Amino acid sequence: MDLNETWTTPDGASLRLRGLRAHDAPALGALIESLPPVDRRRRFHGAVNALSPAQLENLTGVDQQQHVALAVTADAPVSAPLIAEARWVVDASGAAAEFALLVAPAWRRRGIGERCIRALLRAASAHDLSWIYGTVLADNAPMLALMRRCGFSCRQKRGDLSLRLVEARVEARVEKTLSADEADGRRRRMLGFAWMLTAASQ
């Protein structure tokens, strides 16, 4: 799936969304270190000052299959190596993925978070996942508002008053329109498959 996307914000900033790469590790580390403590707590659900090289390698060395990660950079009017990151990781069920999102404070309220979430949903659909979900601290009102705008349900996580569980069903991909030959070939294959199932059950 092509994760690349470029757009211009209403205030004239030229932004690019793409897949996160291994060489983004220093930029991701710098982004996290630049956050105020409350934002680091909201992203990692605990007191974090910085990530180790091994942790950054873990977050950037993704396969874009079981672990999809996105980066947003700014080209103009200022150049910024990394202003947002978003990701999901397929869970043990194989049908759902847990997501996370971080947008630099100076770049919030420009629609970047919503664009990242919608890109994660498209990627989840392309990988045939059924659900995407995450946990948000109850005091993170801006994130909860974003989740609702993106169509996520938000409810208290069972047994933990400090957390909210947010989740959304992933829309199935729309199949391309088949030509007459392709449709005929598909019908023949399905008929053959149905015959094999019937024969095997006798």
C-alpha atoms as a PDB file:
ATOM      1  CA  MET A   1       0.000   0.000   0.000  1.00  0.00           C
ATOM      2  CA  ASP A   2       1.265   3.485  -0.890  1.00  0.00           C
ATOM      3  CA  LEU A   3       1.434   5.505   2.324  1.00  0.00           C
ATOM      4  CA  ASN A   4       2.708   8.709   0.711  1.00  0.00           C
ATOM      5  CA  GLU A   5       0.518  11.795   0.829  1.00  0.00           C
ATOM      6  CA  THR A   6       1.199  15.528   0.552  1.00  0.00           C
ATOM      7  CA  TRP A   7      -1.050  18.480   1.352  1.00  0.00           C
ATOM      8  CA  THR A   8      -1.067  22.134   2.317  1.00  0.00           C
ATOM      9  CA  THR A   9      -2.671  23.270   5.567  1.00  0.00           C
ATOM     10  CA  PRO A  10      -5.022  26.291   5.631  1.00  0.00           C
ATOM     11  CA  ASP A  11      -2.175  28.414   7.022  1.00  0.00           C
ATOM     12  CA  GLY A  12       0.123  27.501   4.115  1.00  0.00           C
ATOM     13  CA  ALA A  13       2.328  24.779   5.610  1.00  0.00           C
ATOM     14  CA  SER A  14       3.436  22.116   3.106  1.00  0.00           C
ATOM     15  CA  LEU A  15       3.312  18.685   4.776  1.00  0.00           C
ATOM     16  CA  ARG A  16       4.142  15.132   3.768  1.00  0.00           C
ATOM     17  CA  LEU A  17       2.892  11.845   5.216  1.00  0.00           C
ATOM     18  CA  ARG A  18       4.948   8.729   4.501  1.00  0.00           C
ATOM     19  CA  GLY A  19       6.021   5.463   6.013  1.00  0.00           C
ATOM     20  CA  LEU A  20       8.355   5.767   9.005  1.00  0.00           C
ATOM     21  CA  ARG A  21      11.874   4.500   8.228  1.00  0.00           C
ATOM     22  CA  ALA A  22      14.811   3.229  10.265  1.00  0.00           C
ATOM     23  CA  HIS A  23      16.808   6.385   9.590  1.00  0.00           C
ATOM     24  CA  ASP A  24      14.048   8.414  11.299  1.00  0.00           C
ATOM     25  CA  ALA A  25      15.224   7.170  14.707  1.00  0.00           C
ATOM     26  CA  PRO A  26      17.192  10.346  15.634  1.00  0.00           C
ATOM     27  CA  ALA A  27      14.324  12.609  14.536  1.00  0.00           C
ATOM     28  CA  LEU A  28      11.800  10.556  16.504  1.00  0.00           C
ATOM     29  CA  GLY A  29      14.041  10.691  19.550  1.00  0.00           C
ATOM     30  CA  ALA A  30      14.343  14.471  19.213  1.00  0.00           C
ATOM     31  CA  LEU A  31      10.578  14.843  18.844  1.00  0.00           C
ATOM     32  CA  ILE A  32       9.911  12.845  22.011  1.00  0.00           C
ATOM     33  CA  GLU A  33      12.565  14.713  24.007  1.00  0.00           C
ATOM     34  CA  SER A  34      11.085  18.051  22.907  1.00  0.00           C
ATOM     35  CA  LEU A  35       7.665  17.234  24.366  1.00  0.00           C
ATOM     36  CA  PRO A  36       6.536  18.703  27.661  1.00  0.00           C
ATOM     37  CA  PRO A  37       6.249  16.069  30.432  1.00  0.00           C
ATOM     38  CA  VAL A  38       2.445  15.935  30.222  1.00  0.00           C
ATOM     39  CA  ASP A  39       2.591  15.020  26.536  1.00  0.00           C
ATOM     40  CA  ARG A  40       5.163  12.285  27.109  1.00  0.00           C
ATOM     41  CA  ARG A  41       2.960  10.886  29.875  1.00  0.00           C
ATOM     42  CA  ARG A  42      -0.042  10.927  27.575  1.00  0.00           C
ATOM     43  CA  ARG A  43       1.843   9.180  24.759  1.00  0.00           C
ATOM     44  CA  PHE A  44       3.551   6.505  26.890  1.00  0.00           C
ATOM     45  CA  HIS A  45       1.139   6.379  29.878  1.00  0.00           C
ATOM     46  CA  GLY A  46       3.993   7.008  32.288  1.00  0.00           C
ATOM     47  CA  ALA A  47       6.952   9.217  33.137  1.00  0.00           C
ATOM     48  CA  VAL A  48       9.345   9.083  30.175  1.00  0.00           C
ATOM     49  CA  ASN A  49      12.154  11.554  29.550  1.00  0.00           C
ATOM     50  CA  ALA A  50      13.783   9.955  26.501  1.00  0.00           C
ATOM     51  CA  LEU A  51      13.957   6.645  24.666  1.00  0.00           C
ATOM     52  CA  SER A  52      17.053   4.493  24.454  1.00  0.00           C
ATOM     53  CA  PRO A  53      18.660   3.723  21.070  1.00  0.00           C
ATOM     54  CA  ALA A  54      17.225   0.195  21.298  1.00  0.00           C
ATOM     55  CA  GLN A  55      13.719   1.522  21.920  1.00  0.00           C
ATOM     56  CA  LEU A  56      13.992   3.946  19.011  1.00  0.00           C
ATOM     57  CA  GLU A  57      15.238   1.129  16.779  1.00  0.00           C
ATOM     58  CA  ASN A  58      12.197  -0.888  17.839  1.00  0.00           C
ATOM     59  CA  LEU A  59       9.837   1.943  16.932  1.00  0.00           C
ATOM     60  CA  THR A  60      11.403   2.752  13.569  1.00  0.00           C
ATOM     61  CA  GLY A  61      12.502  -0.677  12.326  1.00  0.00           C
ATOM     62  CA  VAL A  62       8.979  -1.699  11.329  1.00  0.00           C
ATOM     63  CA  ASP A  63       7.885  -4.162   8.649  1.00  0.00           C
ATOM     64  CA  GLN A  64       4.840  -2.100   7.502  1.00  0.00           C
ATOM     65  CA  GLN A  65       2.830  -5.323   7.598  1.00  0.00           C
ATOM     66  CA  GLN A  66       2.295  -6.414  11.211  1.00  0.00           C
ATOM     67  CA  HIS A  67       3.598  -3.069  12.457  1.00  0.00           C
ATOM     68  CA  VAL A  68       2.650  -0.072  10.328  1.00  0.00           C
ATOM     69  CA  ALA A  69       4.176   3.292  11.242  1.00  0.00           C
ATOM     70  CA  LEU A  70       3.711   6.706   9.638  1.00  0.00           C
ATOM     71  CA  ALA A  71       5.723   9.927   9.770  1.00  0.00           C
ATOM     72  CA  VAL A  72       4.666  13.487   8.977  1.00  0.00           C
ATOM     73  CA  THR A  73       7.305  16.030   7.956  1.00  0.00           C
ATOM     74  CA  ALA A  74       7.126  19.713   7.063  1.00  0.00           C
ATOM     75  CA  ASP A  75       8.715  21.085   3.876  1.00  0.00           C
ATOM     76  CA  ALA A  76       7.689  24.753   3.906  1.00  0.00           C
ATOM     77  CA  PRO A  77       7.582  27.483   5.095  1.00  0.00           C
ATOM     78  CA  VAL A  78       9.874  25.768   7.629  1.00  0.00           C
ATOM     79  CA  SER A  79      11.649  22.434   7.358  1.00  0.00           C
ATOM     80  CA  ALA A  80      10.988  19.964  10.187  1.00  0.00           C
ATOM     81  CA  PRO A  81      12.254  16.376  10.025  1.00  0.00           C
ATOM     82  CA  LEU A  82       9.384  14.906  12.062  1.00  0.00           C
ATOM     83  CA  ILE A  83       6.301  16.639  13.409  1.00  0.00           C
ATOM     84  CA  ALA A  84       4.026  13.637  13.948  1.00  0.00           C
ATOM     85  CA  GLU A  85       4.140   9.866  14.124  1.00  0.00           C
ATOM     86  CA  ALA A  86       1.341   7.315  14.123  1.00  0.00           C
ATOM     87  CA  ARG A  87       1.312   3.531  14.150  1.00  0.00           C
ATOM     88  CA  TRP A  88      -0.583   0.356  14.759  1.00  0.00           C
ATOM     89  CA  VAL A  89       0.558  -3.143  15.702  1.00  0.00           C
ATOM     90  CA  VAL A  90      -1.481  -6.256  14.960  1.00  0.00           C
ATOM     91  CA  ASP A  91      -2.485  -8.000  18.182  1.00  0.00           C
ATOM     92  CA  ALA A  92      -2.527 -11.711  19.010  1.00  0.00           C
ATOM     93  CA  SER A  93      -5.979 -12.160  17.439  1.00  0.00           C
ATOM     94  CA  GLY A  94      -4.610 -11.268  13.997  1.00  0.00           C
ATOM     95  CA  ALA A  95      -7.847  -9.392  13.259  1.00  0.00           C
ATOM     96  CA  ALA A  96      -7.262  -6.140  15.153  1.00  0.00           C
ATOM     97  CA  ALA A  97      -4.466  -3.682  15.827  1.00  0.00           C
ATOM     98  CA  GLU A  98      -3.578  -1.313  18.645  1.00  0.00           C
ATOM     99  CA  PHE A  99      -2.661   2.204  17.561  1.00  0.00           C
ATOM    100  CA  ALA A 100      -0.749   5.193  18.933  1.00  0.00           C
ATOM    101  CA  LEU A 101      -0.448   8.796  17.774  1.00  0.00           C
ATOM    102  CA  LEU A 102       1.805  11.746  18.567  1.00  0.00           C
ATOM    103  CA  VAL A 103       1.706  15.258  17.079  1.00  0.00           C
ATOM    104  CA  ALA A 104       4.212  17.942  18.088  1.00  0.00           C
ATOM    105  CA  PRO A 105       2.483  20.660  20.170  1.00  0.00           C
ATOM    106  CA  ALA A 106       3.358  23.462  17.733  1.00  0.00           C
ATOM    107  CA  TRP A 107       1.614  21.581  14.895  1.00  0.00           C
ATOM    108  CA  ARG A 108      -1.659  20.702  16.559  1.00  0.00           C
ATOM    109  CA  ARG A 109      -5.103  21.958  15.506  1.00  0.00           C
ATOM    110  CA  ARG A 110      -4.167  21.780  11.825  1.00  0.00           C
ATOM    111  CA  GLY A 111      -5.894  18.489  11.034  1.00  0.00           C
ATOM    112  CA  ILE A 112      -2.679  16.441  11.178  1.00  0.00           C
ATOM    113  CA  GLY A 113      -3.916  14.024  13.837  1.00  0.00           C
ATOM    114  CA  GLU A 114      -7.139  13.323  11.974  1.00  0.00           C
ATOM    115  CA  ARG A 115      -5.269  12.769   8.721  1.00  0.00           C
ATOM    116  CA  CYS A 116      -2.937  10.307  10.469  1.00  0.00           C
ATOM    117  CA  ILE A 117      -5.817   8.368  12.017  1.00  0.00           C
ATOM    118  CA  ARG A 118      -7.611   8.099   8.695  1.00  0.00           C
ATOM    119  CA  ALA A 119      -4.389   6.894   7.042  1.00  0.00           C
ATOM    120  CA  LEU A 120      -4.045   4.235   9.758  1.00  0.00           C
ATOM    121  CA  LEU A 121      -7.619   3.121   9.087  1.00  0.00           C
ATOM    122  CA  ARG A 122      -6.935   2.848   5.348  1.00  0.00           C
ATOM    123  CA  ALA A 123      -3.815   0.804   6.045  1.00  0.00           C
ATOM    124  CA  ALA A 124      -5.786  -1.444   8.405  1.00  0.00           C
ATOM    125  CA  SER A 125      -8.378  -1.994   5.688  1.00  0.00           C
ATOM    126  CA  ALA A 126      -5.655  -2.812   3.155  1.00  0.00           C
ATOM    127  CA  HIS A 127      -4.330  -5.438   5.574  1.00  0.00           C
ATOM    128  CA  ASP A 128      -7.823  -6.916   6.077  1.00  0.00           C
ATOM    129  CA  LEU A 129      -8.077  -6.015   9.757  1.00  0.00           C
ATOM    130  CA  SER A 130     -11.493  -5.703  11.405  1.00  0.00           C
ATOM    131  CA  TRP A 131     -10.795  -3.352  14.308  1.00  0.00           C
ATOM    132  CA  ILE A 132      -8.361  -0.682  15.405  1.00  0.00           C
ATOM    133  CA  TYR A 133      -8.241   0.339  19.054  1.00  0.00           C
ATOM    134  CA  GLY A 134      -6.174   2.060  21.692  1.00  0.00           C
ATOM    135  CA  THR A 135      -6.145   3.384  25.239  1.00  0.00           C
ATOM    136  CA  VAL A 136      -6.237   7.106  26.066  1.00  0.00           C
ATOM    137  CA  LEU A 137      -5.725   8.713  29.446  1.00  0.00           C
ATOM    138  CA  ALA A 138      -9.007  10.053  30.772  1.00  0.00           C
ATOM    139  CA  ASP A 139      -7.544  13.552  31.174  1.00  0.00           C
ATOM    140  CA  ASN A 140      -6.445  13.709  27.522  1.00  0.00           C
ATOM    141  CA  ALA A 141      -9.515  15.607  26.345  1.00  0.00           C
ATOM    142  CA  PRO A 142      -8.051  16.726  22.963  1.00  0.00           C
ATOM    143  CA  MET A 143      -7.220  13.136  21.981  1.00  0.00           C
ATOM    144  CA  LEU A 144     -10.645  11.866  23.027  1.00  0.00           C
ATOM    145  CA  ALA A 145     -12.289  14.636  20.992  1.00  0.00           C
ATOM    146  CA  LEU A 146     -10.178  13.636  17.969  1.00  0.00           C
ATOM    147  CA  MET A 147     -11.215  10.008  18.359  1.00  0.00           C
ATOM    148  CA  ARG A 148     -14.880  10.938  18.363  1.00  0.00           C
ATOM    149  CA  ARG A 149     -14.433  13.078  15.237  1.00  0.00           C
ATOM    150  CA  CYS A 150     -12.860  10.070  13.533  1.00  0.00           C
ATOM    151  CA  GLY A 151     -15.813   7.841  14.439  1.00  0.00           C
ATOM    152  CA  PHE A 152     -14.277   5.947  17.363  1.00  0.00           C
ATOM    153  CA  SER A 153     -16.334   4.854  20.341  1.00  0.00           C
ATOM    154  CA  CYS A 154     -14.885   5.947  23.692  1.00  0.00           C
ATOM    155  CA  ARG A 155     -15.653   4.230  26.985  1.00  0.00           C
ATOM    156  CA  GLN A 156     -14.015   3.682  30.345  1.00  0.00           C
ATOM    157  CA  LYS A 157     -11.596   0.806  30.349  1.00  0.00           C
ATOM    158  CA  ARG A 158     -12.863  -1.910  32.630  1.00  0.00           C
ATOM    159  CA  GLY A 159     -11.158  -1.801  36.006  1.00  0.00           C
ATOM    160  CA  ASP A 160      -9.192   1.401  35.353  1.00  0.00           C
ATOM    161  CA  LEU A 161     -10.803   4.809  35.914  1.00  0.00           C
ATOM    162  CA  SER A 162      -7.753   6.590  34.479  1.00  0.00           C
ATOM    163  CA  LEU A 163      -8.072   5.084  30.984  1.00  0.00           C
ATOM    164  CA  ARG A 164     -10.538   5.214  28.122  1.00  0.00           C
ATOM    165  CA  LEU A 165     -10.772   2.463  25.521  1.00  0.00           C
ATOM    166  CA  VAL A 166     -11.254   3.871  22.021  1.00  0.00           C
ATOM    167  CA  GLU A 167     -12.041   1.640  19.066  1.00  0.00           C
ATOM    168  CA  ALA A 168     -13.438   1.687  15.546  1.00  0.00           C
ATOM    169  CA  ARG A 169     -14.498  -0.930  13.065  1.00  0.00           C
ATOM    170  CA  VAL A 170     -12.366  -0.937   9.921  1.00  0.00           C
ATOM    171  CA  GLU A 171     -14.318  -0.578   6.707  1.00  0.00           C
ATOM    172  CA  ALA A 172     -13.708  -3.361   4.207  1.00  0.00           C
ATOM    173  CA  ARG A 173     -11.878  -2.509   1.026  1.00  0.00           C
ATOM    174  CA  VAL A 174     -14.027  -1.830  -2.043  1.00  0.00           C
ATOM    175  CA  GLU A 175     -13.239  -4.423  -4.669  1.00  0.00           C
ATOM    176  CA  LYS A 176     -12.266  -3.116  -8.091  1.00  0.00           C
ATOM    177  CA  THR A 177     -14.801  -3.535 -10.898  1.00  0.00           C
ATOM    178  CA  LEU A 178     -14.048  -6.743 -12.743  1.00  0.00           C
ATOM    179  CA  SER A 179     -14.008  -7.047 -16.489  1.00  0.00           C
ATOM    180  CA  ALA A 180     -16.310  -9.649 -18.045  1.00  0.00           C
ATOM    181  CA  ASP A 181     -13.397 -12.081 -18.524  1.00  0.00           C
ATOM    182  CA  GLU A 182     -12.197 -11.610 -14.952  1.00  0.00           C
ATOM    183  CA  ALA A 183     -15.709 -12.088 -13.588  1.00  0.00           C
ATOM    184  CA  ASP A 184     -16.177 -15.252 -15.652  1.00  0.00           C
ATOM    185  CA  GLY A 185     -12.860 -16.615 -14.461  1.00  0.00           C
ATOM    186  CA  ARG A 186     -13.765 -15.878 -10.843  1.00  0.00           C
ATOM    187  CA  ARG A 187     -17.142 -17.659 -11.258  1.00  0.00           C
ATOM    188  CA  ARG A 188     -15.403 -20.715 -12.719  1.00  0.00           C
ATOM    189  CA  ARG A 189     -12.899 -20.838  -9.853  1.00  0.00           C
ATOM    190  CA  MET A 190     -15.654 -20.479  -7.240  1.00  0.00           C
ATOM    191  CA  LEU A 191     -17.740 -23.213  -8.874  1.00  0.00           C
ATOM    192  CA  GLY A 192     -14.714 -25.495  -8.903  1.00  0.00           C
ATOM    193  CA  PHE A 193     -14.006 -24.719  -5.250  1.00  0.00           C
ATOM    194  CA  ALA A 194     -17.634 -25.396  -4.315  1.00  0.00           C
ATOM    195  CA  TRP A 195     -17.493 -28.752  -6.142  1.00  0.00           C
ATOM    196  CA  MET A 196     -14.349 -29.736  -4.211  1.00  0.00           C
ATOM    197  CA  LEU A 197     -16.022 -28.879  -0.887  1.00  0.00           C
ATOM    198  CA  THR A 198     -19.109 -30.922  -1.831  1.00  0.00           C
ATOM    199  CA  ALA A 199     -17.033 -33.901  -2.957  1.00  0.00           C
ATOM    200  CA  ALA A 200     -14.929 -33.782   0.197  1.00  0.00           C
ATOM    201  CA  SER A 201     -18.029 -33.863   2.406  1.00  0.00           C
ATOM    202  CA  GLN A 202     -19.486 -36.994   0.780  1.00  0.00           C
END
